[in-house]
Amino acid sequence: MCENYNKKYKGWQASNHLKGLKVVIIMDDDYLALLDRAKTSLPETIKNHERFKVPEPDILQEGKITVIRNFSAIVDALRRDPEHLLHYLLRELGTPGNIEGQRLVLKAKITSAQINDRIQGYIDTFVLCSECGRPDTRIVKDGRTLVLECDACGAHRPVNVRRSSRDAFAIREGSVYEIMIEDVGRKGDGIAKLDKYVVYVPGTAKGAKLRVKIQKISGNVAFAVPTQDPVSPQ
């Protein structure tokens, strides 16, 4: 066994010429430099994965109105279109609402547990990769199908929106229902709730009770007009 100082590795090198074994002991500074070099070569998605954290919803109750004060921060963390998350929450919570600056205003009294559950459902459906569990994904449209593509592992899957137990009730276009206008939107349309559906009725006032005929349904949002026709059998 013989030992000598190797300038290339800035450390001591021990050699066993009889067994052909060579061991190189690298000094601490050189190890740290190699570690830093390895970190810089990692893909950006892998480095950022550990930092993925969605802010806890900052909820304010104002009578029958619920406000998510940090809605913009939640959207930024998810890297999704604010309108996409808005429509998902309105459909899942069964309430009208709109974005006001950094806030989301819901026209109903919603509990923190309900909001947290729906946001987690959105993350599971539209953000996290089902293969690697990372959030480095994007939504693309393949024909009429939404597909979640992962930039980290390359996996892709169709987006399957979970269905709640409320889906058992469904309104039908052309049918007549009796409703009460609970609010009026920015465009002057009356807003009512019919089970899980938000119904917009033009030319109506808050508090009015009337029969309406459903003209169009889009998800959990329906558009109707006042009518004198009898209520349709369920």
Protein backbone atom coordinates (compact mmCIF):
# COMPACT_ATOMS: atom_id res chain seq x y z
CA MET A 1 0.00 0.00 0.00
CA CYS A 2 1.32 3.46 -0.86
CA GLU A 3 -0.19 6.92 -0.44
CA ASN A 4 0.32 10.15 -2.36
CA TYR A 5 -1.38 13.57 -2.66
CA ASN A 6 -3.30 13.94 -5.90
CA LYS A 7 -3.58 17.56 -7.07
CA LYS A 8 -6.36 16.77 -9.54
CA TYR A 9 -8.76 15.73 -6.75
CA LYS A 10 -7.22 17.97 -4.05
CA GLY A 11 -7.21 15.04 -1.66
CA TRP A 12 -5.27 11.99 -0.61
CA GLN A 13 -5.24 8.95 -2.84
CA ALA A 14 -4.54 5.49 -1.43
CA SER A 15 -3.51 2.77 -3.88
CA ASN A 16 -3.10 -0.94 -3.40
CA HIS A 17 -1.01 -2.08 -6.37
CA LEU A 18 -1.28 -5.71 -5.38
CA LYS A 19 -5.07 -5.87 -5.60
CA GLY A 20 -5.58 -3.17 -8.22
CA LEU A 21 -7.83 -1.26 -5.80
CA LYS A 22 -7.83 2.53 -5.90
CA VAL A 23 -9.80 4.69 -3.46
CA VAL A 24 -10.15 8.43 -3.90
CA ILE A 25 -11.10 10.54 -0.87
CA ILE A 26 -12.58 13.84 -2.00
CA MET A 27 -12.35 16.88 0.26
CA ASP A 28 -15.59 18.49 1.57
CA ASP A 29 -15.38 21.54 -0.72
CA ASP A 30 -15.18 19.37 -3.81
CA TYR A 31 -18.12 17.21 -2.69
CA LEU A 32 -20.31 20.26 -2.14
CA ALA A 33 -19.35 21.65 -5.53
CA LEU A 34 -20.33 18.38 -7.22
CA LEU A 35 -23.60 18.32 -5.27
CA ASP A 36 -24.44 21.86 -6.36
CA ARG A 37 -23.69 20.94 -9.97
CA ALA A 38 -26.05 17.94 -9.72
CA LYS A 39 -28.83 20.12 -8.29
CA THR A 40 -28.57 22.65 -11.11
CA SER A 41 -28.92 19.85 -13.68
CA LEU A 42 -32.27 18.68 -12.23
CA PRO A 43 -35.39 19.51 -14.29
CA GLU A 44 -37.23 22.56 -12.99
CA THR A 45 -40.41 20.54 -12.38
CA ILE A 46 -38.65 18.16 -9.98
CA LYS A 47 -37.06 20.99 -8.00
CA ASN A 48 -40.36 22.86 -7.69
CA HIS A 49 -42.48 19.85 -6.73
CA GLU A 50 -41.53 19.99 -3.05
CA ARG A 51 -42.59 23.65 -2.92
CA PHE A 52 -46.14 23.00 -4.20
CA LYS A 53 -48.48 24.24 -1.51
CA VAL A 54 -51.97 25.63 -1.93
CA PRO A 55 -52.87 28.45 0.49
CA GLU A 56 -55.62 27.71 2.99
CA PRO A 57 -58.79 29.54 1.90
CA ASP A 58 -59.19 32.81 3.82
CA ILE A 59 -62.96 32.79 4.33
CA LEU A 60 -65.15 35.66 5.47
CA GLN A 61 -68.86 35.27 6.20
CA GLU A 62 -71.00 38.35 5.53
CA GLY A 63 -74.59 37.38 6.33
CA LYS A 64 -75.69 35.02 3.55
CA ILE A 65 -72.59 35.80 1.49
CA THR A 66 -69.31 33.88 1.67
CA VAL A 67 -66.08 35.52 0.53
CA ILE A 68 -62.81 33.72 -0.28
CA ARG A 69 -60.44 36.66 0.21
CA ASN A 70 -57.32 34.96 -1.17
CA PHE A 71 -58.93 33.35 -4.24
CA SER A 72 -56.30 34.92 -6.53
CA ALA A 73 -53.46 33.41 -4.48
CA ILE A 74 -55.08 29.96 -4.67
CA VAL A 75 -55.42 30.24 -8.45
CA ASP A 76 -51.76 31.31 -8.78
CA ALA A 77 -50.62 28.29 -6.75
CA LEU A 78 -52.68 25.93 -8.93
CA ARG A 79 -51.57 27.63 -12.18
CA ARG A 80 -55.05 27.42 -13.64
CA ASP A 81 -57.47 29.86 -15.28
CA PRO A 82 -59.48 31.72 -12.57
CA GLU A 83 -62.69 31.31 -14.59
CA HIS A 84 -62.16 27.54 -14.78
CA LEU A 85 -61.88 27.20 -11.00
CA LEU A 86 -64.78 29.65 -10.54
CA HIS A 87 -67.19 27.62 -12.70
CA TYR A 88 -66.11 24.38 -11.01
CA LEU A 89 -66.79 25.77 -7.53
CA LEU A 90 -70.14 27.29 -8.53
CA ARG A 91 -71.27 23.99 -10.01
CA GLU A 92 -70.06 21.89 -7.08
CA LEU A 93 -71.39 24.24 -4.40
CA GLY A 94 -74.66 24.95 -6.24
CA THR A 95 -74.53 28.69 -5.77
CA PRO A 96 -74.07 31.81 -7.92
CA GLY A 97 -70.97 33.90 -7.45
CA ASN A 98 -68.40 36.09 -9.14
CA ILE A 99 -64.78 37.24 -8.93
CA GLU A 100 -64.19 40.70 -7.48
CA GLY A 101 -60.53 41.67 -7.74
CA GLN A 102 -58.54 39.21 -5.61
CA ARG A 103 -61.67 37.75 -4.01
CA LEU A 104 -64.35 35.22 -4.88
CA VAL A 105 -67.84 36.18 -3.69
CA LEU A 106 -70.34 33.32 -3.26
CA LYS A 107 -74.02 34.27 -2.92
CA ALA A 108 -74.73 31.70 -0.21
CA LYS A 109 -73.52 30.70 3.24
CA ILE A 110 -70.90 28.01 2.60
CA THR A 111 -68.86 26.30 5.32
CA SER A 112 -65.06 26.15 5.33
CA ALA A 113 -65.22 22.36 5.17
CA GLN A 114 -67.33 22.47 2.00
CA ILE A 115 -64.96 24.93 0.30
CA ASN A 116 -61.84 22.97 1.29
CA ASP A 117 -63.41 19.73 0.05
CA ARG A 118 -64.32 21.22 -3.34
CA ILE A 119 -60.89 22.81 -3.83
CA GLN A 120 -59.21 19.49 -3.00
CA GLY A 121 -61.53 17.80 -5.49
CA TYR A 122 -60.43 20.32 -8.13
CA ILE A 123 -56.76 19.63 -7.36
CA ASP A 124 -57.23 15.86 -7.60
CA THR A 125 -59.16 16.18 -10.88
CA PHE A 126 -57.50 19.03 -12.75
CA VAL A 127 -54.00 19.50 -11.25
CA LEU A 128 -52.24 16.41 -9.85
CA CYS A 129 -50.82 13.75 -12.18
CA SER A 130 -52.37 10.36 -11.47
CA GLU A 131 -49.06 8.60 -12.26
CA CYS A 132 -46.35 10.58 -10.42
CA GLY A 133 -48.54 12.76 -8.18
CA ARG A 134 -46.84 15.98 -9.27
CA PRO A 135 -48.63 19.25 -10.03
CA ASP A 136 -46.58 20.02 -13.16
CA THR A 137 -49.52 19.48 -15.49
CA ARG A 138 -51.56 21.33 -18.06
CA ILE A 139 -55.03 20.86 -19.49
CA VAL A 140 -55.30 20.37 -23.25
CA LYS A 141 -58.31 19.65 -25.41
CA ASP A 142 -58.33 16.56 -27.64
CA GLY A 143 -61.46 16.92 -29.74
CA ARG A 144 -64.28 17.19 -27.19
CA THR A 145 -62.24 15.54 -24.42
CA LEU A 146 -60.16 17.39 -21.81
CA VAL A 147 -56.81 15.70 -21.21
CA LEU A 148 -54.41 16.31 -18.31
CA GLU A 149 -50.80 16.12 -19.55
CA CYS A 150 -47.88 15.86 -17.11
CA ASP A 151 -44.67 17.71 -17.99
CA ALA A 152 -42.74 15.82 -15.30
CA CYS A 153 -43.33 12.18 -16.30
CA GLY A 154 -45.08 12.50 -19.68
CA ALA A 155 -48.27 10.74 -18.56
CA HIS A 156 -51.65 11.88 -19.82
CA ARG A 157 -55.22 10.97 -18.91
CA PRO A 158 -58.76 12.14 -19.65
CA VAL A 159 -60.19 14.51 -17.07
CA ASN A 160 -63.01 12.72 -15.28
CA VAL A 161 -65.09 15.07 -13.13
CA ARG A 162 -66.44 13.31 -10.08
CA ARG A 163 -70.20 13.22 -9.64
CA SER A 164 -71.84 13.94 -6.29
CA SER A 165 -74.95 12.34 -4.86
CA ARG A 166 -76.90 15.48 -5.80
CA ASP A 167 -76.72 14.41 -9.45
CA ALA A 168 -79.77 12.20 -8.86
CA PHE A 169 -81.98 15.26 -9.41
CA ALA A 170 -81.92 16.69 -12.92
CA ILE A 171 -84.02 19.42 -14.48
CA ARG A 172 -85.05 19.21 -18.13
CA GLU A 173 -85.21 21.77 -20.90
CA GLY A 174 -88.82 22.72 -21.66
CA SER A 175 -90.02 21.75 -18.18
CA VAL A 176 -91.72 24.20 -15.81
CA TYR A 177 -90.65 24.71 -12.20
CA GLU A 178 -91.68 27.00 -9.38
CA ILE A 179 -88.83 29.05 -7.95
CA MET A 180 -88.06 32.07 -5.79
CA ILE A 181 -85.61 34.76 -6.95
CA GLU A 182 -82.92 34.98 -4.26
CA ASP A 183 -80.68 37.61 -5.82
CA VAL A 184 -80.15 39.79 -8.88
CA GLY A 185 -76.97 39.57 -10.96
CA ARG A 186 -74.88 42.41 -12.35
CA LYS A 187 -76.72 42.23 -15.68
CA GLY A 188 -80.11 42.50 -13.98
CA ASP A 189 -81.11 38.85 -14.28
CA GLY A 190 -82.87 37.25 -11.34
CA ILE A 191 -80.96 34.37 -9.72
CA ALA A 192 -82.65 31.36 -8.11
CA LYS A 193 -81.52 27.99 -6.78
CA LEU A 194 -83.24 24.77 -7.79
CA ASP A 195 -81.55 21.91 -5.94
CA LYS A 196 -77.98 21.88 -7.33
CA TYR A 197 -78.83 24.23 -10.22
CA VAL A 198 -78.41 28.00 -10.46
CA VAL A 199 -81.23 29.42 -12.56
CA TYR A 200 -81.05 32.82 -14.30
CA VAL A 201 -84.37 34.51 -15.12
CA PRO A 202 -84.39 37.90 -16.91
CA GLY A 203 -86.76 40.69 -15.86
CA THR A 204 -87.44 39.47 -12.32
CA ALA A 205 -87.00 41.07 -8.89
CA LYS A 206 -85.47 39.71 -5.71
CA GLY A 207 -88.02 37.87 -3.56
CA ALA A 208 -90.41 37.13 -6.43
CA LYS A 209 -92.01 33.67 -6.52
CA LEU A 210 -92.98 32.47 -9.98
CA ARG A 211 -93.13 29.63 -12.45
CA VAL A 212 -90.39 29.45 -15.07
CA LYS A 213 -89.74 27.35 -18.16
CA ILE A 214 -86.20 26.07 -18.62
CA GLN A 215 -84.81 27.08 -22.01
CA LYS A 216 -81.18 26.01 -21.78
CA ILE A 217 -79.00 23.99 -19.38
CA SER A 218 -75.21 24.19 -19.19
CA GLY A 219 -73.74 22.01 -16.44
CA ASN A 220 -75.37 23.15 -13.22
CA VAL A 221 -76.44 26.50 -14.67
CA ALA A 222 -79.86 26.95 -16.29
CA PHE A 223 -81.53 29.81 -18.17
CA ALA A 224 -85.30 30.24 -17.92
CA VAL A 225 -88.16 32.63 -18.69
CA PRO A 226 -91.34 33.35 -16.68
CA THR A 227 -94.41 31.38 -17.74
CA GLN A 228 -98.05 30.82 -16.80
CA ASP A 229 -97.86 27.13 -17.73
CA PRO A 230 -98.50 24.58 -14.95
CA VAL A 231 -95.59 23.01 -13.13
CA SER A 232 -94.25 19.91 -14.90
CA PRO A 233 -94.64 16.54 -13.14
CA GLN A 234 -91.40 15.25 -11.61
